[in-house]
Amino acid sequence: MLHVDDYLDSPGADPIAKEFLEHARRPAIEKDHVWLTRNRPFVTWRGRVYLCVGASRLGDVWLKGDGPPNAFYDHRVDIAELSNWERGSSESERG
């Protein structure tokens, strides 16, 4: 598994992923939760589009999409498995 911090430090990191995940990985006291909610990107994982909602200190990325509406995330995945990062924070914003 590629740790999210290693990905963010790599020269090939997607700029949308980098901006969002660097914000999401900040210490709790420094996080701007309004910015994070407004700037959650869409990403493709296993051929489906999900909303990226954060990342853990363990190195995985959190995706929301097809699970219970009250769950913060539905999947914890390896960032190396993600592609097609797009800006947006809700399904209604996708064009």
PDB file of N, CA and C in Angstrom:
ATOM      1  N   MET A   1       0.842  -1.188   0.000  1.00  0.00           N
ATOM      2  CA  MET A   1       0.000   0.000   0.000  1.00  0.00           C
ATOM      3  C   MET A   1       0.879   1.239   0.000  1.00  0.00           C
ATOM      4  N   LEU A   2       0.514   2.196  -0.822  1.00  0.00           N
ATOM      5  CA  LEU A   2       1.214   3.475  -0.869  1.00  0.00           C
ATOM      6  C   LEU A   2       0.598   4.397   0.183  1.00  0.00           C
ATOM      7  N   HIS A   3       1.397   4.829   1.134  1.00  0.00           N
ATOM      8  CA  HIS A   3       0.905   5.737   2.176  1.00  0.00           C
ATOM      9  C   HIS A   3       0.557   7.082   1.539  1.00  0.00           C
ATOM     10  N   VAL A   4      -0.543   7.674   1.971  1.00  0.00           N
ATOM     11  CA  VAL A   4      -1.001   8.935   1.393  1.00  0.00           C
ATOM     12  C   VAL A   4       0.076  10.026   1.504  1.00  0.00           C
ATOM     13  N   ASP A   5       0.846  10.049   2.575  1.00  0.00           N
ATOM     14  CA  ASP A   5       1.901  11.059   2.703  1.00  0.00           C
ATOM     15  C   ASP A   5       2.995  10.866   1.658  1.00  0.00           C
ATOM     16  N   ASP A   6       3.339   9.607   1.360  1.00  0.00           N
ATOM     17  CA  ASP A   6       4.331   9.340   0.316  1.00  0.00           C
ATOM     18  C   ASP A   6       3.809   9.791  -1.038  1.00  0.00           C
ATOM     19  N   TYR A   7       2.531   9.554  -1.285  1.00  0.00           N
ATOM     20  CA  TYR A   7       1.919  10.013  -2.531  1.00  0.00           C
ATOM     21  C   TYR A   7       1.978  11.540  -2.625  1.00  0.00           C
ATOM     22  N   LEU A   8       1.590  12.217  -1.558  1.00  0.00           N
ATOM     23  CA  LEU A   8       1.554  13.682  -1.581  1.00  0.00           C
ATOM     24  C   LEU A   8       2.937  14.293  -1.769  1.00  0.00           C
ATOM     25  N   ASP A   9       3.965  13.590  -1.317  1.00  0.00           N
ATOM     26  CA  ASP A   9       5.338  14.078  -1.477  1.00  0.00           C
ATOM     27  C   ASP A   9       5.931  13.747  -2.841  1.00  0.00           C
ATOM     28  N   SER A  10       5.244  12.941  -3.633  1.00  0.00           N
ATOM     29  CA  SER A  10       5.782  12.537  -4.932  1.00  0.00           C
ATOM     30  C   SER A  10       5.530  13.614  -5.987  1.00  0.00           C
ATOM     31  N   PRO A  11       6.427  13.728  -6.966  1.00  0.00           N
ATOM     32  CA  PRO A  11       6.239  14.744  -8.010  1.00  0.00           C
ATOM     33  C   PRO A  11       5.036  14.479  -8.904  1.00  0.00           C
ATOM     34  N   GLY A  12       4.549  13.248  -8.963  1.00  0.00           N
ATOM     35  CA  GLY A  12       3.420  12.921  -9.826  1.00  0.00           C
ATOM     36  C   GLY A  12       2.057  13.028  -9.171  1.00  0.00           C
ATOM     37  N   ALA A  13       1.998  13.565  -7.945  1.00  0.00           N
ATOM     38  CA  ALA A  13       0.713  13.675  -7.239  1.00  0.00           C
ATOM     39  C   ALA A  13      -0.254  14.566  -8.009  1.00  0.00           C
ATOM     40  N   ASP A  14      -1.486  14.121  -8.136  1.00  0.00           N
ATOM     41  CA  ASP A  14      -2.515  14.914  -8.803  1.00  0.00           C
ATOM     42  C   ASP A  14      -2.720  16.210  -8.023  1.00  0.00           C
ATOM     43  N   PRO A  15      -2.746  17.365  -8.687  1.00  0.00           N
ATOM     44  CA  PRO A  15      -2.878  18.648  -7.974  1.00  0.00           C
ATOM     45  C   PRO A  15      -4.175  18.774  -7.164  1.00  0.00           C
ATOM     46  N   ILE A  16      -5.269  18.206  -7.652  1.00  0.00           N
ATOM     47  CA  ILE A  16      -6.531  18.272  -6.909  1.00  0.00           C
ATOM     48  C   ILE A  16      -6.437  17.410  -5.658  1.00  0.00           C
ATOM     49  N   ALA A  17      -5.889  16.201  -5.809  1.00  0.00           N
ATOM     50  CA  ALA A  17      -5.691  15.314  -4.660  1.00  0.00           C
ATOM     51  C   ALA A  17      -4.766  15.964  -3.647  1.00  0.00           C
ATOM     52  N   LYS A  18      -3.698  16.534  -4.129  1.00  0.00           N
ATOM     53  CA  LYS A  18      -2.696  17.148  -3.253  1.00  0.00           C
ATOM     54  C   LYS A  18      -3.304  18.283  -2.423  1.00  0.00           C
ATOM     55  N   GLU A  19      -4.025  19.178  -3.071  1.00  0.00           N
ATOM     56  CA  GLU A  19      -4.620  20.308  -2.347  1.00  0.00           C
ATOM     57  C   GLU A  19      -5.603  19.819  -1.280  1.00  0.00           C
ATOM     58  N   PHE A  20      -6.512  18.933  -1.664  1.00  0.00           N
ATOM     59  CA  PHE A  20      -7.525  18.472  -0.724  1.00  0.00           C
ATOM     60  C   PHE A  20      -6.918  17.646   0.408  1.00  0.00           C
ATOM     61  N   LEU A  21      -6.109  16.673   0.078  1.00  0.00           N
ATOM     62  CA  LEU A  21      -5.584  15.767   1.095  1.00  0.00           C
ATOM     63  C   LEU A  21      -4.569  16.436   2.016  1.00  0.00           C
ATOM     64  N   GLU A  22      -3.833  17.427   1.515  1.00  0.00           N
ATOM     65  CA  GLU A  22      -2.946  18.169   2.423  1.00  0.00           C
ATOM     66  C   GLU A  22      -3.762  18.940   3.457  1.00  0.00           C
ATOM     67  N   HIS A  23      -4.901  19.470   3.048  1.00  0.00           N
ATOM     68  CA  HIS A  23      -5.800  20.108   4.018  1.00  0.00           C
ATOM     69  C   HIS A  23      -6.382  19.078   4.987  1.00  0.00           C
ATOM     70  N   ALA A  24      -6.828  17.955   4.444  1.00  0.00           N
ATOM     71  CA  ALA A  24      -7.466  16.919   5.264  1.00  0.00           C
ATOM     72  C   ALA A  24      -6.505  16.306   6.274  1.00  0.00           C
ATOM     73  N   ARG A  25      -5.212  16.292   5.968  1.00  0.00           N
ATOM     74  CA  ARG A  25      -4.213  15.667   6.838  1.00  0.00           C
ATOM     75  C   ARG A  25      -3.661  16.624   7.893  1.00  0.00           C
ATOM     76  N   ARG A  26      -4.112  17.850   7.909  1.00  0.00           N
ATOM     77  CA  ARG A  26      -3.650  18.803   8.928  1.00  0.00           C
ATOM     78  C   ARG A  26      -4.116  18.380  10.320  1.00  0.00           C
ATOM     79  N   PRO A  27      -3.406  18.811  11.354  1.00  0.00           N
ATOM     80  CA  PRO A  27      -3.877  18.549  12.725  1.00  0.00           C
ATOM     81  C   PRO A  27      -5.276  19.145  12.918  1.00  0.00           C
ATOM     82  N   ALA A  28      -6.072  18.520  13.750  1.00  0.00           N
ATOM     83  CA  ALA A  28      -7.472  18.928  13.947  1.00  0.00           C
ATOM     84  C   ALA A  28      -7.613  20.416  14.236  1.00  0.00           C
ATOM     85  N   ILE A  29      -6.728  20.973  15.023  1.00  0.00           N
ATOM     86  CA  ILE A  29      -6.828  22.391  15.399  1.00  0.00           C
ATOM     87  C   ILE A  29      -6.626  23.323  14.199  1.00  0.00           C
ATOM     88  N   GLU A  30      -5.975  22.816  13.144  1.00  0.00           N
ATOM     89  CA  GLU A  30      -5.675  23.641  11.970  1.00  0.00           C
ATOM     90  C   GLU A  30      -6.623  23.386  10.792  1.00  0.00           C
ATOM     91  N   LYS A  31      -7.524  22.422  10.922  1.00  0.00           N
ATOM     92  CA  LYS A  31      -8.407  22.084   9.807  1.00  0.00           C
ATOM     93  C   LYS A  31      -9.506  23.117   9.628  1.00  0.00           C
ATOM     94  N   ASP A  32      -9.763  23.446   8.386  1.00  0.00           N
ATOM     95  CA  ASP A  32     -10.884  24.307   8.025  1.00  0.00           C
ATOM     96  C   ASP A  32     -11.975  23.383   7.480  1.00  0.00           C
ATOM     97  N   HIS A  33     -12.884  22.963   8.356  1.00  0.00           N
ATOM     98  CA  HIS A  33     -13.898  21.986   7.980  1.00  0.00           C
ATOM     99  C   HIS A  33     -14.866  22.512   6.929  1.00  0.00           C
ATOM    100  N   VAL A  34     -15.111  23.800   6.915  1.00  0.00           N
ATOM    101  CA  VAL A  34     -15.981  24.379   5.884  1.00  0.00           C
ATOM    102  C   VAL A  34     -15.303  24.239   4.523  1.00  0.00           C
ATOM    103  N   TRP A  35     -14.013  24.588   4.449  1.00  0.00           N
ATOM    104  CA  TRP A  35     -13.266  24.444   3.195  1.00  0.00           C
ATOM    105  C   TRP A  35     -13.257  22.986   2.745  1.00  0.00           C
ATOM    106  N   LEU A  36     -12.992  22.077   3.680  1.00  0.00           N
ATOM    107  CA  LEU A  36     -12.941  20.651   3.337  1.00  0.00           C
ATOM    108  C   LEU A  36     -14.271  20.163   2.765  1.00  0.00           C
ATOM    109  N   THR A  37     -15.382  20.559   3.372  1.00  0.00           N
ATOM    110  CA  THR A  37     -16.697  20.142   2.890  1.00  0.00           C
ATOM    111  C   THR A  37     -16.982  20.711   1.501  1.00  0.00           C
ATOM    112  N   ARG A  38     -16.591  21.936   1.278  1.00  0.00           N
ATOM    113  CA  ARG A  38     -16.867  22.597  -0.008  1.00  0.00           C
ATOM    114  C   ARG A  38     -15.945  22.137  -1.129  1.00  0.00           C
ATOM    115  N   ASN A  39     -14.837  21.506  -0.787  1.00  0.00           N
ATOM    116  CA  ASN A  39     -13.836  21.161  -1.800  1.00  0.00           C
ATOM    117  C   ASN A  39     -13.551  19.670  -1.917  1.00  0.00           C
ATOM    118  N   ARG A  40     -14.466  18.839  -1.450  1.00  0.00           N
ATOM    119  CA  ARG A  40     -14.274  17.387  -1.562  1.00  0.00           C
ATOM    120  C   ARG A  40     -14.261  16.999  -3.039  1.00  0.00           C
ATOM    121  N   PRO A  41     -13.212  16.323  -3.478  1.00  0.00           N
ATOM    122  CA  PRO A  41     -13.146  15.938  -4.890  1.00  0.00           C
ATOM    123  C   PRO A  41     -13.817  14.595  -5.169  1.00  0.00           C
ATOM    124  N   PHE A  42     -14.198  14.409  -6.418  1.00  0.00           N
ATOM    125  CA  PHE A  42     -14.653  13.117  -6.903  1.00  0.00           C
ATOM    126  C   PHE A  42     -13.439  12.364  -7.407  1.00  0.00           C
ATOM    127  N   VAL A  43     -13.491  11.043  -7.306  1.00  0.00           N
ATOM    128  CA  VAL A  43     -12.372  10.207  -7.732  1.00  0.00           C
ATOM    129  C   VAL A  43     -12.931   8.872  -8.216  1.00  0.00           C
ATOM    130  N   THR A  44     -12.217   8.248  -9.128  1.00  0.00           N
ATOM    131  CA  THR A  44     -12.628   6.935  -9.625  1.00  0.00           C
ATOM    132  C   THR A  44     -11.859   5.847  -8.882  1.00  0.00           C
ATOM    133  N   TRP A  45     -12.605   4.851  -8.397  1.00  0.00           N
ATOM    134  CA  TRP A  45     -12.034   3.677  -7.737  1.00  0.00           C
ATOM    135  C   TRP A  45     -12.774   2.455  -8.245  1.00  0.00           C
ATOM    136  N   ARG A  46     -12.039   1.514  -8.798  1.00  0.00           N
ATOM    137  CA  ARG A  46     -12.616   0.272  -9.320  1.00  0.00           C
ATOM    138  C   ARG A  46     -13.754   0.530 -10.316  1.00  0.00           C
ATOM    139  N   GLY A  47     -13.560   1.541 -11.159  1.00  0.00           N
ATOM    140  CA  GLY A  47     -14.516   1.826 -12.219  1.00  0.00           C
ATOM    141  C   GLY A  47     -15.736   2.622 -11.815  1.00  0.00           C
ATOM    142  N   ARG A  48     -15.820   3.022 -10.549  1.00  0.00           N
ATOM    143  CA  ARG A  48     -16.962   3.818 -10.076  1.00  0.00           C
ATOM    144  C   ARG A  48     -16.470   5.130  -9.500  1.00  0.00           C
ATOM    145  N   VAL A  49     -17.332   6.128  -9.516  1.00  0.00           N
ATOM    146  CA  VAL A  49     -16.990   7.451  -9.001  1.00  0.00           C
ATOM    147  C   VAL A  49     -17.466   7.578  -7.557  1.00  0.00           C
ATOM    148  N   TYR A  50     -16.583   8.075  -6.718  1.00  0.00           N
ATOM    149  CA  TYR A  50     -16.863   8.285  -5.291  1.00  0.00           C
ATOM    150  C   TYR A  50     -16.445   9.698  -4.911  1.00  0.00           C
ATOM    151  N   LEU A  51     -16.928  10.128  -3.768  1.00  0.00           N
ATOM    152  CA  LEU A  51     -16.518  11.392  -3.178  1.00  0.00           C
ATOM    153  C   LEU A  51     -15.406  11.098  -2.184  1.00  0.00           C
ATOM    154  N   CYS A  52     -14.283  11.783  -2.310  1.00  0.00           N
ATOM    155  CA  CYS A  52     -13.189  11.627  -1.357  1.00  0.00           C
ATOM    156  C   CYS A  52     -13.483  12.550  -0.176  1.00  0.00           C
ATOM    157  N   VAL A  53     -13.513  11.985   1.032  1.00  0.00           N
ATOM    158  CA  VAL A  53     -13.870  12.784   2.212  1.00  0.00           C
ATOM    159  C   VAL A  53     -12.733  12.920   3.214  1.00  0.00           C
ATOM    160  N   GLY A  54     -11.573  12.301   2.953  1.00  0.00           N
ATOM    161  CA  GLY A  54     -10.453  12.465   3.867  1.00  0.00           C
ATOM    162  C   GLY A  54      -9.431  11.355   3.734  1.00  0.00           C
ATOM    163  N   ALA A  55      -8.504  11.335   4.700  1.00  0.00           N
ATOM    164  CA  ALA A  55      -7.452  10.330   4.738  1.00  0.00           C
ATOM    165  C   ALA A  55      -7.019  10.137   6.183  1.00  0.00           C
ATOM    166  N   SER A  56      -6.542   8.948   6.490  1.00  0.00           N
ATOM    167  CA  SER A  56      -6.140   8.666   7.867  1.00  0.00           C
ATOM    168  C   SER A  56      -4.628   8.779   8.040  1.00  0.00           C
ATOM    169  N   ARG A  57      -4.198   8.825   9.286  1.00  0.00           N
ATOM    170  CA  ARG A  57      -2.767   8.830   9.590  1.00  0.00           C
ATOM    171  C   ARG A  57      -2.132   7.491   9.226  1.00  0.00           C
ATOM    172  N   LEU A  58      -2.950   6.458   9.088  1.00  0.00           N
ATOM    173  CA  LEU A  58      -2.436   5.140   8.698  1.00  0.00           C
ATOM    174  C   LEU A  58      -2.100   5.075   7.216  1.00  0.00           C
ATOM    175  N   GLY A  59      -2.564   6.062   6.444  1.00  0.00           N
ATOM    176  CA  GLY A  59      -2.183   6.159   5.045  1.00  0.00           C
ATOM    177  C   GLY A  59      -3.252   5.862   4.036  1.00  0.00           C
ATOM    178  N   ASP A  60      -4.434   5.450   4.467  1.00  0.00           N
ATOM    179  CA  ASP A  60      -5.505   5.154   3.525  1.00  0.00           C
ATOM    180  C   ASP A  60      -6.355   6.399   3.264  1.00  0.00           C
ATOM    181  N   VAL A  61      -7.133   6.338   2.181  1.00  0.00           N
ATOM    182  CA  VAL A  61      -7.999   7.439   1.762  1.00  0.00           C
ATOM    183  C   VAL A  61      -9.448   7.000   1.962  1.00  0.00           C
ATOM    184  N   TRP A  62     -10.295   7.925   2.394  1.00  0.00           N
ATOM    185  CA  TRP A  62     -11.695   7.625   2.697  1.00  0.00           C
ATOM    186  C   TRP A  62     -12.589   8.060   1.547  1.00  0.00           C
ATOM    187  N   LEU A  63     -13.446   7.136   1.124  1.00  0.00           N
ATOM    188  CA  LEU A  63     -14.386   7.406   0.035  1.00  0.00           C
ATOM    189  C   LEU A  63     -15.820   7.227   0.512  1.00  0.00           C
ATOM    190  N   LYS A  64     -16.685   8.094   0.036  1.00  0.00           N
ATOM    191  CA  LYS A  64     -18.116   8.040   0.345  1.00  0.00           C
ATOM    192  C   LYS A  64     -18.862   7.860  -0.961  1.00  0.00           C
ATOM    193  N   GLY A  65     -19.860   6.984  -0.939  1.00  0.00           N
ATOM    194  CA  GLY A  65     -20.617   6.827  -2.164  1.00  0.00           C
ATOM    195  C   GLY A  65     -21.832   5.948  -2.052  1.00  0.00           C
ATOM    196  N   ASP A  66     -21.647   4.694  -1.722  1.00  0.00           N
ATOM    197  CA  ASP A  66     -22.749   3.757  -1.854  1.00  0.00           C
ATOM    198  C   ASP A  66     -23.205   3.147  -0.533  1.00  0.00           C
ATOM    199  N   GLY A  67     -22.731   3.663   0.557  1.00  0.00           N
ATOM    200  CA  GLY A  67     -23.090   3.095   1.858  1.00  0.00           C
ATOM    201  C   GLY A  67     -24.197   3.858   2.544  1.00  0.00           C
ATOM    202  N   PRO A  68     -24.414   3.562   3.827  1.00  0.00           N
ATOM    203  CA  PRO A  68     -25.461   4.244   4.590  1.00  0.00           C
ATOM    204  C   PRO A  68     -25.241   5.762   4.609  1.00  0.00           C
ATOM    205  N   PRO A  69     -26.299   6.539   4.501  1.00  0.00           N
ATOM    206  CA  PRO A  69     -26.150   7.997   4.471  1.00  0.00           C
ATOM    207  C   PRO A  69     -25.544   8.574   5.750  1.00  0.00           C
ATOM    208  N   ASN A  70     -25.666   7.889   6.868  1.00  0.00           N
ATOM    209  CA  ASN A  70     -25.134   8.430   8.116  1.00  0.00           C
ATOM    210  C   ASN A  70     -23.670   8.069   8.351  1.00  0.00           C
ATOM    211  N   ALA A  71     -23.070   7.267   7.472  1.00  0.00           N
ATOM    212  CA  ALA A  71     -21.661   6.904   7.604  1.00  0.00           C
ATOM    213  C   ALA A  71     -20.793   8.028   7.043  1.00  0.00           C
ATOM    214  N   PHE A  72     -19.690   8.342   7.733  1.00  0.00           N
ATOM    215  CA  PHE A  72     -18.793   9.391   7.236  1.00  0.00           C
ATOM    216  C   PHE A  72     -18.094   8.935   5.960  1.00  0.00           C
ATOM    217  N   TYR A  73     -17.680   7.661   5.918  1.00  0.00           N
ATOM    218  CA  TYR A  73     -17.093   7.105   4.707  1.00  0.00           C
ATOM    219  C   TYR A  73     -17.572   5.666   4.543  1.00  0.00           C
ATOM    220  N   ASP A  74     -17.472   5.172   3.305  1.00  0.00           N
ATOM    221  CA  ASP A  74     -17.901   3.811   2.994  1.00  0.00           C
ATOM    222  C   ASP A  74     -16.724   2.880   2.723  1.00  0.00           C
ATOM    223  N   HIS A  75     -15.607   3.448   2.274  1.00  0.00           N
ATOM    224  CA  HIS A  75     -14.451   2.631   1.909  1.00  0.00           C
ATOM    225  C   HIS A  75     -13.162   3.319   2.361  1.00  0.00           C
ATOM    226  N   ARG A  76     -12.212   2.506   2.827  1.00  0.00           N
ATOM    227  CA  ARG A  76     -10.853   2.975   3.135  1.00  0.00           C
ATOM    228  C   ARG A  76      -9.945   2.283   2.135  1.00  0.00           C
ATOM    229  N   VAL A  77      -9.292   3.063   1.272  1.00  0.00           N
ATOM    230  CA  VAL A  77      -8.590   2.471   0.133  1.00  0.00           C
ATOM    231  C   VAL A  77      -7.163   3.002  -0.002  1.00  0.00           C
ATOM    232  N   ASP A  78      -6.406   2.302  -0.806  1.00  0.00           N
ATOM    233  CA  ASP A  78      -5.038   2.683  -1.161  1.00  0.00           C
ATOM    234  C   ASP A  78      -5.105   3.799  -2.207  1.00  0.00           C
ATOM    235  N   ILE A  79      -4.394   4.875  -1.979  1.00  0.00           N
ATOM    236  CA  ILE A  79      -4.428   6.012  -2.915  1.00  0.00           C
ATOM    237  C   ILE A  79      -3.917   5.620  -4.298  1.00  0.00           C
ATOM    238  N   ALA A  80      -3.071   4.612  -4.369  1.00  0.00           N
ATOM    239  CA  ALA A  80      -2.554   4.161  -5.664  1.00  0.00           C
ATOM    240  C   ALA A  80      -3.653   3.576  -6.547  1.00  0.00           C
ATOM    241  N   GLU A  81      -4.792   3.220  -5.972  1.00  0.00           N
ATOM    242  CA  GLU A  81      -5.906   2.652  -6.735  1.00  0.00           C
ATOM    243  C   GLU A  81      -6.865   3.718  -7.266  1.00  0.00           C
ATOM    244  N   LEU A  82      -6.596   4.995  -6.991  1.00  0.00           N
ATOM    245  CA  LEU A  82      -7.520   6.074  -7.362  1.00  0.00           C
ATOM    246  C   LEU A  82      -7.044   6.803  -8.609  1.00  0.00           C
ATOM    247  N   SER A  83      -8.008   7.303  -9.381  1.00  0.00           N
ATOM    248  CA  SER A  83      -7.688   8.064 -10.595  1.00  0.00           C
ATOM    249  C   SER A  83      -8.780   9.091 -10.861  1.00  0.00           C
ATOM    250  N   ASN A  84      -8.545   9.909 -11.858  1.00  0.00           N
ATOM    251  CA  ASN A  84      -9.535  10.883 -12.352  1.00  0.00           C
ATOM    252  C   ASN A  84     -10.064  11.798 -11.251  1.00  0.00           C
ATOM    253  N   TRP A  85      -9.178  12.455 -10.553  1.00  0.00           N
ATOM    254  CA  TRP A  85      -9.591  13.400  -9.507  1.00  0.00           C
ATOM    255  C   TRP A  85     -10.280  14.587 -10.154  1.00  0.00           C
ATOM    256  N   GLU A  86     -11.459  14.956  -9.639  1.00  0.00           N
ATOM    257  CA  GLU A  86     -12.234  16.098 -10.157  1.00  0.00           C
ATOM    258  C   GLU A  86     -12.722  16.949  -8.997  1.00  0.00           C
ATOM    259  N   ARG A  87     -12.782  18.241  -9.205  1.00  0.00           N
ATOM    260  CA  ARG A  87     -13.290  19.141  -8.152  1.00  0.00           C
ATOM    261  C   ARG A  87     -14.798  19.009  -8.009  1.00  0.00           C
ATOM    262  N   GLY A  88     -15.282  19.273  -6.791  1.00  0.00           N
ATOM    263  CA  GLY A  88     -16.717  19.257  -6.515  1.00  0.00           C
ATOM    264  C   GLY A  88     -16.977  18.682  -5.152  1.00  0.00           C
ATOM    265  N   SER A  89     -18.107  19.008  -4.543  1.00  0.00           N
ATOM    266  CA  SER A  89     -18.387  18.508  -3.202  1.00  0.00           C
ATOM    267  C   SER A  89     -19.666  17.713  -3.100  1.00  0.00           C
ATOM    268  N   SER A  90     -20.493  17.679  -4.142  1.00  0.00           N
ATOM    269  CA  SER A  90     -21.723  16.893  -4.072  1.00  0.00           C
ATOM    270  C   SER A  90     -22.106  16.400  -5.456  1.00  0.00           C
ATOM    271  N   GLU A  91     -22.908  15.345  -5.507  1.00  0.00           N
ATOM    272  CA  GLU A  91     -23.336  14.775  -6.781  1.00  0.00           C
ATOM    273  C   GLU A  91     -23.994  15.818  -7.666  1.00  0.00           C
ATOM    274  N   SER A  92     -24.720  16.757  -7.077  1.00  0.00           N
ATOM    275  CA  SER A  92     -25.416  17.765  -7.855  1.00  0.00           C
ATOM    276  C   SER A  92     -24.463  18.705  -8.572  1.00  0.00           C
ATOM    277  N   GLU A  93     -23.195  18.762  -8.132  1.00  0.00           N
ATOM    278  CA  GLU A  93     -22.224  19.633  -8.766  1.00  0.00           C
ATOM    279  C   GLU A  93     -21.559  18.976  -9.965  1.00  0.00           C
ATOM    280  N   ARG A  94     -21.689  17.661 -10.100  1.00  0.00           N
ATOM    281  CA  ARG A  94     -21.024  16.970 -11.208  1.00  0.00           C
ATOM    282  C   ARG A  94     -21.753  17.270 -12.498  1.00  0.00           C
ATOM    283  N   GLY A  95     -20.963  17.536 -13.509  1.00  0.00           N
ATOM    284  CA  GLY A  95     -21.545  17.882 -14.778  1.00  0.00           C
ATOM    285  C   GLY A  95     -21.647  16.826 -15.752  1.00  0.00           C
TER     286      GLY A  95
END
